[in-house]
Amino acid sequence: MSQADDDFVEYARASAGQLRRTAYLLCRDWDLAADLTQTTLARMFLHWPRISRRENPHAYARQVLSRAFLDHHRAKRSHEVVTSEFSDVPAAGEDPDLRLTLVDALGRIPPRDRAIVVLRYWEDLSVESVAEILGLPTGTVTSQSARSLARLRHLLGQPAGPAAGNSLFA
């Protein structure tokens, strides 16, 4: 194996878990999340020498993952039914009921809006980063973020008015 291959294997081992969790938030299906993560890593492997020279390969990985999710959703190839059963145990210190409620609400907004919310608020990326990842104008990300948060607040039974700090639970 070459040094570039070794570097990629190291990168894949270090980031696969985070990519899979992000993919799950996008698609709400652990098996599809694993497939999207695998697709992301496979695409990155093909161009790893070029990607590894970037300042932040993980930003590129999020871009590839987001686009793979949106491509998958557009294609409507999957006829699987997502169930309410979750295979992973929540981490200590988290409120599992709140997390499940939020994940369910995320699943009820359109895929592009879900991608914007997950990248912007769960991954804590800037508007500019989300816009670049999804290939959208920054104004679209800003307006869709506000609309999506209002929808999520409505789904969660909270007032839809502006909240301090852009927090979903403010």
C-alpha atoms as a PDB file:
ATOM      1  CA  MET A   1       0.000   0.000   0.000  1.00  0.00           C
ATOM      2  CA  SER A   2       1.203   3.515  -0.775  1.00  0.00           C
ATOM      3  CA  GLN A   3       1.553   6.332   1.744  1.00  0.00           C
ATOM      4  CA  ALA A   4      -1.553   8.014   0.255  1.00  0.00           C
ATOM      5  CA  ASP A   5      -3.532   4.792   0.791  1.00  0.00           C
ATOM      6  CA  ASP A   6      -2.316   4.573   4.389  1.00  0.00           C
ATOM      7  CA  ASP A   7      -3.286   8.219   4.951  1.00  0.00           C
ATOM      8  CA  PHE A   8      -6.756   7.587   3.552  1.00  0.00           C
ATOM      9  CA  VAL A   9      -7.286   4.506   5.737  1.00  0.00           C
ATOM     10  CA  GLU A  10      -6.284   6.557   8.778  1.00  0.00           C
ATOM     11  CA  TYR A  11      -8.664   9.368   7.767  1.00  0.00           C
ATOM     12  CA  ALA A  12     -11.528   6.930   7.094  1.00  0.00           C
ATOM     13  CA  ARG A  13     -11.105   5.230  10.471  1.00  0.00           C
ATOM     14  CA  ALA A  14     -11.041   8.566  12.286  1.00  0.00           C
ATOM     15  CA  SER A  15     -14.061  10.122  10.572  1.00  0.00           C
ATOM     16  CA  ALA A  16     -16.400   7.278   9.592  1.00  0.00           C
ATOM     17  CA  GLY A  17     -18.321   7.419  12.877  1.00  0.00           C
ATOM     18  CA  GLN A  18     -18.993  11.148  12.677  1.00  0.00           C
ATOM     19  CA  LEU A  19     -19.940  10.895   8.994  1.00  0.00           C
ATOM     20  CA  ARG A  20     -22.368   8.066   9.778  1.00  0.00           C
ATOM     21  CA  ARG A  21     -24.013  10.043  12.594  1.00  0.00           C
ATOM     22  CA  THR A  22     -24.420  13.038  10.291  1.00  0.00           C
ATOM     23  CA  ALA A  23     -25.802  10.776   7.561  1.00  0.00           C
ATOM     24  CA  TYR A  24     -28.293   9.326  10.054  1.00  0.00           C
ATOM     25  CA  LEU A  25     -29.545  12.785  10.954  1.00  0.00           C
ATOM     26  CA  LEU A  26     -30.092  13.418   7.264  1.00  0.00           C
ATOM     27  CA  CYS A  27     -31.850  10.150   6.368  1.00  0.00           C
ATOM     28  CA  ARG A  28     -33.102   8.704   9.714  1.00  0.00           C
ATOM     29  CA  ASP A  29     -32.057   5.182   8.725  1.00  0.00           C
ATOM     30  CA  TRP A  30     -28.881   3.629  10.139  1.00  0.00           C
ATOM     31  CA  ASP A  31     -28.479   1.226   7.221  1.00  0.00           C
ATOM     32  CA  LEU A  32     -28.836   3.989   4.634  1.00  0.00           C
ATOM     33  CA  ALA A  33     -26.527   6.146   6.762  1.00  0.00           C
ATOM     34  CA  ALA A  34     -23.901   3.388   6.544  1.00  0.00           C
ATOM     35  CA  ASP A  35     -24.410   3.209   2.758  1.00  0.00           C
ATOM     36  CA  LEU A  36     -24.093   6.987   2.401  1.00  0.00           C
ATOM     37  CA  THR A  37     -20.947   6.954   4.537  1.00  0.00           C
ATOM     38  CA  GLN A  38     -19.486   4.173   2.419  1.00  0.00           C
ATOM     39  CA  THR A  39     -20.375   6.058  -0.776  1.00  0.00           C
ATOM     40  CA  THR A  40     -18.750   9.195   0.624  1.00  0.00           C
ATOM     41  CA  LEU A  41     -15.550   7.394   1.561  1.00  0.00           C
ATOM     42  CA  ALA A  42     -15.427   5.541  -1.779  1.00  0.00           C
ATOM     43  CA  ARG A  43     -15.749   8.790  -3.707  1.00  0.00           C
ATOM     44  CA  MET A  44     -13.104  10.396  -1.548  1.00  0.00           C
ATOM     45  CA  PHE A  45     -10.711   7.477  -2.025  1.00  0.00           C
ATOM     46  CA  LEU A  46     -10.802   7.976  -5.780  1.00  0.00           C
ATOM     47  CA  HIS A  47      -9.511  11.536  -5.388  1.00  0.00           C
ATOM     48  CA  TRP A  48      -7.631  11.232  -2.105  1.00  0.00           C
ATOM     49  CA  PRO A  49      -4.254  12.582  -3.291  1.00  0.00           C
ATOM     50  CA  ARG A  50      -5.978  15.827  -4.340  1.00  0.00           C
ATOM     51  CA  ILE A  51      -8.295  15.944  -1.302  1.00  0.00           C
ATOM     52  CA  SER A  52      -5.537  15.282   1.238  1.00  0.00           C
ATOM     53  CA  ARG A  53      -3.761  18.452   0.113  1.00  0.00           C
ATOM     54  CA  ARG A  54      -6.807  20.499   1.148  1.00  0.00           C
ATOM     55  CA  GLU A  55      -6.786  22.409   4.381  1.00  0.00           C
ATOM     56  CA  ASN A  56      -9.862  20.572   5.688  1.00  0.00           C
ATOM     57  CA  PRO A  57     -10.683  17.168   4.146  1.00  0.00           C
ATOM     58  CA  HIS A  58     -13.612  16.734   6.543  1.00  0.00           C
ATOM     59  CA  ALA A  59     -15.371  19.768   5.068  1.00  0.00           C
ATOM     60  CA  TYR A  60     -15.071  18.088   1.677  1.00  0.00           C
ATOM     61  CA  ALA A  61     -16.419  14.857   3.191  1.00  0.00           C
ATOM     62  CA  ARG A  62     -19.511  16.662   4.506  1.00  0.00           C
ATOM     63  CA  GLN A  63     -20.046  18.121   1.038  1.00  0.00           C
ATOM     64  CA  VAL A  64     -19.802  14.697  -0.603  1.00  0.00           C
ATOM     65  CA  LEU A  65     -22.075  13.169   2.062  1.00  0.00           C
ATOM     66  CA  SER A  66     -24.719  15.882   1.702  1.00  0.00           C
ATOM     67  CA  ARG A  67     -24.764  15.582  -2.047  1.00  0.00           C
ATOM     68  CA  ALA A  68     -24.916  11.772  -1.856  1.00  0.00           C
ATOM     69  CA  PHE A  69     -27.938  12.083   0.453  1.00  0.00           C
ATOM     70  CA  LEU A  70     -29.707  14.555  -1.831  1.00  0.00           C
ATOM     71  CA  ASP A  71     -28.885  12.440  -4.907  1.00  0.00           C
ATOM     72  CA  HIS A  72     -30.253   9.348  -3.186  1.00  0.00           C
ATOM     73  CA  HIS A  73     -33.440  11.118  -2.186  1.00  0.00           C
ATOM     74  CA  ARG A  74     -33.950  12.570  -5.682  1.00  0.00           C
ATOM     75  CA  ALA A  75     -33.485   9.189  -7.294  1.00  0.00           C
ATOM     76  CA  LYS A  76     -36.169   7.591  -5.084  1.00  0.00           C
ATOM     77  CA  ARG A  77     -34.421   4.263  -5.571  1.00  0.00           C
ATOM     78  CA  SER A  78     -35.120   3.076  -2.072  1.00  0.00           C
ATOM     79  CA  HIS A  79     -38.515   1.666  -1.209  1.00  0.00           C
ATOM     80  CA  GLU A  80     -37.542   0.783   2.327  1.00  0.00           C
ATOM     81  CA  VAL A  81     -39.789   1.877   5.144  1.00  0.00           C
ATOM     82  CA  VAL A  82     -38.166   3.690   8.034  1.00  0.00           C
ATOM     83  CA  THR A  83     -39.363   2.394  11.378  1.00  0.00           C
ATOM     84  CA  SER A  84     -39.392   3.980  14.786  1.00  0.00           C
ATOM     85  CA  GLU A  85     -36.945   1.393  16.145  1.00  0.00           C
ATOM     86  CA  PHE A  86     -33.413   2.605  16.739  1.00  0.00           C
ATOM     87  CA  SER A  87     -30.463   0.272  16.966  1.00  0.00           C
ATOM     88  CA  ASP A  88     -27.972   2.547  18.751  1.00  0.00           C
ATOM     89  CA  VAL A  89     -28.030   3.294  22.438  1.00  0.00           C
ATOM     90  CA  PRO A  90     -27.905   7.019  23.278  1.00  0.00           C
ATOM     91  CA  ALA A  91     -24.764   8.371  24.886  1.00  0.00           C
ATOM     92  CA  ALA A  92     -24.764   8.976  28.620  1.00  0.00           C
ATOM     93  CA  GLY A  93     -26.090  12.345  29.724  1.00  0.00           C
ATOM     94  CA  GLU A  94     -28.422  12.862  26.764  1.00  0.00           C
ATOM     95  CA  ASP A  95     -32.196  12.996  26.927  1.00  0.00           C
ATOM     96  CA  PRO A  96     -33.153  10.114  24.602  1.00  0.00           C
ATOM     97  CA  ASP A  97     -36.832  11.128  24.412  1.00  0.00           C
ATOM     98  CA  LEU A  98     -35.940  14.659  23.350  1.00  0.00           C
ATOM     99  CA  ARG A  99     -33.439  13.339  20.811  1.00  0.00           C
ATOM    100  CA  LEU A 100     -35.977  10.918  19.307  1.00  0.00           C
ATOM    101  CA  THR A 101     -38.596  13.652  19.146  1.00  0.00           C
ATOM    102  CA  LEU A 102     -36.178  15.988  17.384  1.00  0.00           C
ATOM    103  CA  VAL A 103     -35.006  13.298  14.950  1.00  0.00           C
ATOM    104  CA  ASP A 104     -38.653  12.507  14.157  1.00  0.00           C
ATOM    105  CA  ALA A 105     -39.395  16.197  13.545  1.00  0.00           C
ATOM    106  CA  LEU A 106     -36.318  16.476  11.307  1.00  0.00           C
ATOM    107  CA  GLY A 107     -37.681  13.601   9.245  1.00  0.00           C
ATOM    108  CA  ARG A 108     -40.885  15.516   8.633  1.00  0.00           C
ATOM    109  CA  ILE A 109     -39.254  18.441   6.832  1.00  0.00           C
ATOM    110  CA  PRO A 110     -38.088  18.265   3.189  1.00  0.00           C
ATOM    111  CA  PRO A 111     -34.650  16.702   2.531  1.00  0.00           C
ATOM    112  CA  ARG A 112     -32.884  19.905   1.437  1.00  0.00           C
ATOM    113  CA  ASP A 113     -34.226  21.769   4.461  1.00  0.00           C
ATOM    114  CA  ARG A 114     -33.151  18.866   6.675  1.00  0.00           C
ATOM    115  CA  ALA A 115     -29.659  18.991   5.171  1.00  0.00           C
ATOM    116  CA  ILE A 116     -29.461  22.729   5.843  1.00  0.00           C
ATOM    117  CA  VAL A 117     -30.593  22.357   9.468  1.00  0.00           C
ATOM    118  CA  VAL A 118     -28.303  19.396  10.199  1.00  0.00           C
ATOM    119  CA  LEU A 119     -25.252  21.028   8.664  1.00  0.00           C
ATOM    120  CA  ARG A 120     -25.958  24.487  10.078  1.00  0.00           C
ATOM    121  CA  TYR A 121     -27.029  23.630  13.624  1.00  0.00           C
ATOM    122  CA  TRP A 122     -25.998  20.045  14.373  1.00  0.00           C
ATOM    123  CA  GLU A 123     -22.626  20.249  12.619  1.00  0.00           C
ATOM    124  CA  ASP A 124     -22.336  23.941  13.646  1.00  0.00           C
ATOM    125  CA  LEU A 125     -21.203  25.123  10.222  1.00  0.00           C
ATOM    126  CA  SER A 126     -21.386  28.698   9.007  1.00  0.00           C
ATOM    127  CA  VAL A 127     -23.981  29.828   6.475  1.00  0.00           C
ATOM    128  CA  GLU A 128     -21.188  30.166   3.920  1.00  0.00           C
ATOM    129  CA  SER A 129     -19.944  26.618   4.542  1.00  0.00           C
ATOM    130  CA  VAL A 130     -23.435  25.140   4.205  1.00  0.00           C
ATOM    131  CA  ALA A 131     -24.014  27.149   1.036  1.00  0.00           C
ATOM    132  CA  GLU A 132     -20.768  25.837  -0.442  1.00  0.00           C
ATOM    133  CA  ILE A 133     -21.478  22.228   0.560  1.00  0.00           C
ATOM    134  CA  LEU A 134     -24.978  22.235  -0.909  1.00  0.00           C
ATOM    135  CA  GLY A 135     -24.184  24.481  -3.879  1.00  0.00           C
ATOM    136  CA  LEU A 136     -26.722  27.123  -2.825  1.00  0.00           C
ATOM    137  CA  PRO A 137     -26.580  30.900  -2.476  1.00  0.00           C
ATOM    138  CA  THR A 138     -25.988  32.073   1.100  1.00  0.00           C
ATOM    139  CA  GLY A 139     -29.328  33.920   1.043  1.00  0.00           C
ATOM    140  CA  THR A 140     -31.129  30.663   0.315  1.00  0.00           C
ATOM    141  CA  VAL A 141     -29.394  28.954   3.234  1.00  0.00           C
ATOM    142  CA  THR A 142     -30.311  31.844   5.539  1.00  0.00           C
ATOM    143  CA  SER A 143     -33.969  31.989   4.498  1.00  0.00           C
ATOM    144  CA  GLN A 144     -34.402  28.199   4.430  1.00  0.00           C
ATOM    145  CA  SER A 145     -32.762  27.925   7.861  1.00  0.00           C
ATOM    146  CA  ALA A 146     -35.286  30.369   9.308  1.00  0.00           C
ATOM    147  CA  ARG A 147     -38.241  28.645   7.618  1.00  0.00           C
ATOM    148  CA  SER A 148     -37.035  25.183   8.594  1.00  0.00           C
ATOM    149  CA  LEU A 149     -36.510  26.167  12.222  1.00  0.00           C
ATOM    150  CA  ALA A 150     -40.013  27.676  12.279  1.00  0.00           C
ATOM    151  CA  ARG A 151     -41.403  24.398  10.869  1.00  0.00           C
ATOM    152  CA  LEU A 152     -39.486  22.376  13.451  1.00  0.00           C
ATOM    153  CA  ARG A 153     -40.719  24.606  16.265  1.00  0.00           C
ATOM    154  CA  HIS A 154     -44.271  24.139  15.005  1.00  0.00           C
ATOM    155  CA  LEU A 155     -43.806  20.360  14.821  1.00  0.00           C
ATOM    156  CA  LEU A 156     -42.387  20.390  18.343  1.00  0.00           C
ATOM    157  CA  GLY A 157     -45.317  22.466  19.627  1.00  0.00           C
ATOM    158  CA  GLN A 158     -43.316  25.639  20.250  1.00  0.00           C
ATOM    159  CA  PRO A 159     -44.132  29.183  19.139  1.00  0.00           C
ATOM    160  CA  ALA A 160     -42.845  29.931  15.648  1.00  0.00           C
ATOM    161  CA  GLY A 161     -41.672  33.461  16.443  1.00  0.00           C
ATOM    162  CA  PRO A 162     -38.026  34.520  16.359  1.00  0.00           C
ATOM    163  CA  ALA A 163     -35.933  33.025  19.105  1.00  0.00           C
ATOM    164  CA  ALA A 164     -32.745  34.308  20.632  1.00  0.00           C
ATOM    165  CA  GLY A 165     -29.550  32.654  19.486  1.00  0.00           C
ATOM    166  CA  ASN A 166     -31.095  30.695  16.617  1.00  0.00           C
ATOM    167  CA  SER A 167     -31.633  27.831  19.039  1.00  0.00           C
ATOM    168  CA  LEU A 168     -34.356  25.362  18.247  1.00  0.00           C
ATOM    169  CA  PHE A 169     -35.219  25.157  21.927  1.00  0.00           C
ATOM    170  CA  ALA A 170     -34.882  28.842  22.874  1.00  0.00           C
END
